[in-house]
Amino acid sequence: MFEVPENRDGLTGSWQRRFEILDRIDGAYFTRWRELSPEERVRAGGFRWPGFLFSFLYYFAKGMWQKGLLLMTAYAVLGMALGSAGVPGAVAWFSVAGGCAASATSDYYKRVERDERIWPWLATRLPAFLRSTPALVVVGVAALGCHVAIAVQP
């Protein structure tokens, strides 16, 4: 827990089966998704309930620290924005949790197989100082702290 295995040998049997299915459809990009049976689709890239229940915390538990910190920051910023509009905070949580549940399997696959730490489309847009884990921790904790401070005000 909290560490990414060096290779597939360190994965549990269920994760190894998921990875084998993902290999057959060209990895995490699901280019040949239609070739899978419905059961294989659910196993390989289906909705990850732990990802939904624990949101960015699930990413931390699977050793995907940078992505988890970015998701935590997104949750805090979205929560502040929606909260200022009078929308309940649960909407922000469920939005981020849904994204985590939908992408957790492919993100974990890319982390183990390709050592991907931040989504490539986002890495090119982030300032250089935000590509390090310590900077993401500071930004994420600050955003979450602001979110909580705003949420507890009467």
Protein backbone atom coordinates (compact mmCIF):
# COMPACT_ATOMS: atom_id res chain seq x y z
CA MET A 1 0.00 0.00 0.00
CA PHE A 2 1.18 3.53 -0.82
CA GLU A 3 3.90 2.15 -3.11
CA VAL A 4 3.79 1.23 -6.76
CA PRO A 5 5.27 -2.19 -7.52
CA GLU A 6 8.38 -2.34 -9.70
CA ASN A 7 6.63 -4.66 -12.17
CA ARG A 8 3.56 -6.84 -12.50
CA ASP A 9 4.98 -9.52 -10.24
CA GLY A 10 4.25 -7.27 -7.27
CA LEU A 11 0.56 -6.95 -8.17
CA THR A 12 -2.26 -9.02 -6.75
CA GLY A 13 -3.84 -11.67 -8.97
CA SER A 14 -6.89 -9.54 -9.74
CA TRP A 15 -4.73 -6.60 -10.88
CA GLN A 16 -2.58 -8.92 -12.98
CA ARG A 17 -5.72 -10.19 -14.76
CA ARG A 18 -6.86 -6.59 -15.38
CA PHE A 19 -3.46 -5.72 -16.82
CA GLU A 20 -3.51 -8.77 -19.11
CA ILE A 21 -6.88 -7.67 -20.48
CA LEU A 22 -5.61 -4.12 -20.96
CA ASP A 23 -2.58 -5.45 -22.85
CA ARG A 24 -4.87 -7.21 -25.31
CA ILE A 25 -6.64 -3.95 -26.18
CA ASP A 26 -3.50 -1.81 -26.57
CA GLY A 27 -3.15 -0.71 -23.00
CA ALA A 28 -4.94 1.99 -21.11
CA TYR A 29 -6.19 3.85 -24.15
CA PHE A 30 -8.89 1.26 -24.91
CA THR A 31 -8.37 1.39 -28.68
CA ARG A 32 -9.84 -2.10 -29.19
CA TRP A 33 -12.43 -1.95 -26.42
CA ARG A 34 -15.19 -3.53 -28.54
CA GLU A 35 -13.22 -6.77 -28.83
CA LEU A 36 -13.78 -7.54 -25.16
CA SER A 37 -16.68 -9.48 -23.71
CA PRO A 38 -18.97 -7.56 -21.33
CA GLU A 39 -17.39 -9.35 -18.37
CA GLU A 40 -13.89 -8.38 -19.49
CA ARG A 41 -14.97 -4.78 -19.97
CA VAL A 42 -16.17 -4.58 -16.40
CA ARG A 43 -13.02 -6.24 -15.08
CA ALA A 44 -10.57 -4.20 -17.16
CA GLY A 45 -11.88 -0.68 -17.15
CA GLY A 46 -15.10 -0.66 -15.28
CA PHE A 47 -16.22 1.60 -12.52
CA ARG A 48 -13.87 1.17 -9.52
CA TRP A 49 -16.03 1.42 -6.42
CA PRO A 50 -13.06 2.02 -4.10
CA GLY A 51 -12.10 4.92 -6.38
CA PHE A 52 -15.59 6.34 -6.04
CA LEU A 53 -15.86 5.87 -2.28
CA PHE A 54 -12.42 7.23 -1.44
CA SER A 55 -11.83 9.56 -4.41
CA PHE A 56 -8.33 11.06 -4.40
CA LEU A 57 -7.48 9.07 -1.26
CA TYR A 58 -7.67 5.90 -3.39
CA TYR A 59 -5.01 7.38 -5.67
CA PHE A 60 -2.80 7.97 -2.63
CA ALA A 61 -3.32 4.38 -1.46
CA LYS A 62 -2.31 3.04 -4.88
CA GLY A 63 0.88 5.13 -4.88
CA MET A 64 -0.27 7.65 -7.49
CA TRP A 65 0.66 10.64 -5.36
CA GLN A 66 0.91 13.34 -8.00
CA LYS A 67 -2.42 12.51 -9.62
CA GLY A 68 -4.03 12.22 -6.20
CA LEU A 69 -2.73 15.65 -5.22
CA LEU A 70 -4.03 17.15 -8.45
CA LEU A 71 -7.43 15.55 -7.88
CA MET A 72 -7.46 16.82 -4.28
CA THR A 73 -6.72 20.32 -5.55
CA ALA A 74 -9.44 20.01 -8.19
CA TYR A 75 -11.91 18.92 -5.50
CA ALA A 76 -11.02 21.87 -3.27
CA VAL A 77 -11.21 24.45 -6.07
CA LEU A 78 -14.44 22.98 -7.44
CA GLY A 79 -15.90 22.87 -3.93
CA MET A 80 -15.07 26.53 -3.35
CA ALA A 81 -16.47 27.58 -6.72
CA LEU A 82 -19.69 25.62 -6.34
CA GLY A 83 -20.01 26.59 -2.68
CA SER A 84 -19.85 30.27 -3.57
CA ALA A 85 -22.75 29.64 -5.94
CA GLY A 86 -24.77 27.97 -3.18
CA VAL A 87 -24.34 24.40 -4.50
CA PRO A 88 -23.84 21.72 -1.81
CA GLY A 89 -20.29 20.48 -1.32
CA ALA A 90 -21.34 16.91 -2.03
CA VAL A 91 -21.70 17.83 -5.70
CA ALA A 92 -17.97 18.60 -5.88
CA TRP A 93 -17.10 15.39 -4.04
CA PHE A 94 -19.27 13.23 -6.30
CA SER A 95 -17.88 14.92 -9.41
CA VAL A 96 -14.27 14.21 -8.50
CA ALA A 97 -15.13 10.77 -7.10
CA GLY A 98 -16.86 9.82 -10.35
CA GLY A 99 -13.80 10.83 -12.33
CA CYS A 100 -11.57 8.83 -10.00
CA ALA A 101 -13.76 5.74 -10.27
CA ALA A 102 -13.86 5.93 -14.06
CA SER A 103 -10.14 6.42 -14.61
CA ALA A 104 -8.47 4.65 -11.67
CA THR A 105 -7.77 1.38 -13.49
CA SER A 106 -6.19 2.96 -16.56
CA ASP A 107 -4.25 5.44 -14.42
CA TYR A 108 -2.84 2.62 -12.29
CA TYR A 109 -1.95 0.65 -15.41
CA LYS A 110 -0.09 3.66 -16.84
CA ARG A 111 1.67 4.23 -13.51
CA VAL A 112 2.93 0.65 -13.25
CA GLU A 113 3.68 0.02 -16.93
CA ARG A 114 4.90 3.45 -18.08
CA ASP A 115 5.79 5.20 -14.81
CA GLU A 116 3.31 7.96 -15.68
CA ARG A 117 3.01 10.32 -12.71
CA ILE A 118 0.98 13.18 -14.16
CA TRP A 119 -1.38 13.02 -17.11
CA PRO A 120 0.62 13.94 -20.24
CA TRP A 121 -1.97 16.44 -21.44
CA LEU A 122 -1.70 18.27 -18.12
CA ALA A 123 2.07 18.02 -17.69
CA THR A 124 2.65 20.17 -20.75
CA ARG A 125 0.35 22.87 -19.36
CA LEU A 126 1.62 22.95 -15.77
CA PRO A 127 4.33 25.44 -14.86
CA ALA A 128 7.67 23.70 -14.27
CA PHE A 129 7.63 24.30 -10.49
CA LEU A 130 4.28 22.47 -10.17
CA ARG A 131 5.60 19.24 -11.69
CA SER A 132 7.30 18.22 -8.45
CA THR A 133 5.57 16.37 -5.64
CA PRO A 134 6.52 18.86 -2.88
CA ALA A 135 5.04 21.77 -4.86
CA LEU A 136 1.86 19.78 -5.51
CA VAL A 137 1.61 19.00 -1.79
CA VAL A 138 1.84 22.69 -0.88
CA VAL A 139 -0.72 23.75 -3.49
CA GLY A 140 -3.08 20.87 -2.68
CA VAL A 141 -2.98 21.38 1.08
CA ALA A 142 -3.39 25.14 0.68
CA ALA A 143 -6.42 24.68 -1.61
CA LEU A 144 -7.95 22.10 0.71
CA GLY A 145 -7.32 24.35 3.71
CA CYS A 146 -9.04 27.27 1.99
CA HIS A 147 -11.94 25.03 1.05
CA VAL A 148 -12.38 23.82 4.62
CA ALA A 149 -11.99 27.35 6.04
CA ILE A 150 -14.72 28.62 3.74
CA ALA A 151 -16.96 25.62 4.35
CA VAL A 152 -16.97 25.98 8.15
CA GLN A 153 -17.84 29.67 8.17
CA PRO A 154 -21.36 30.37 9.42
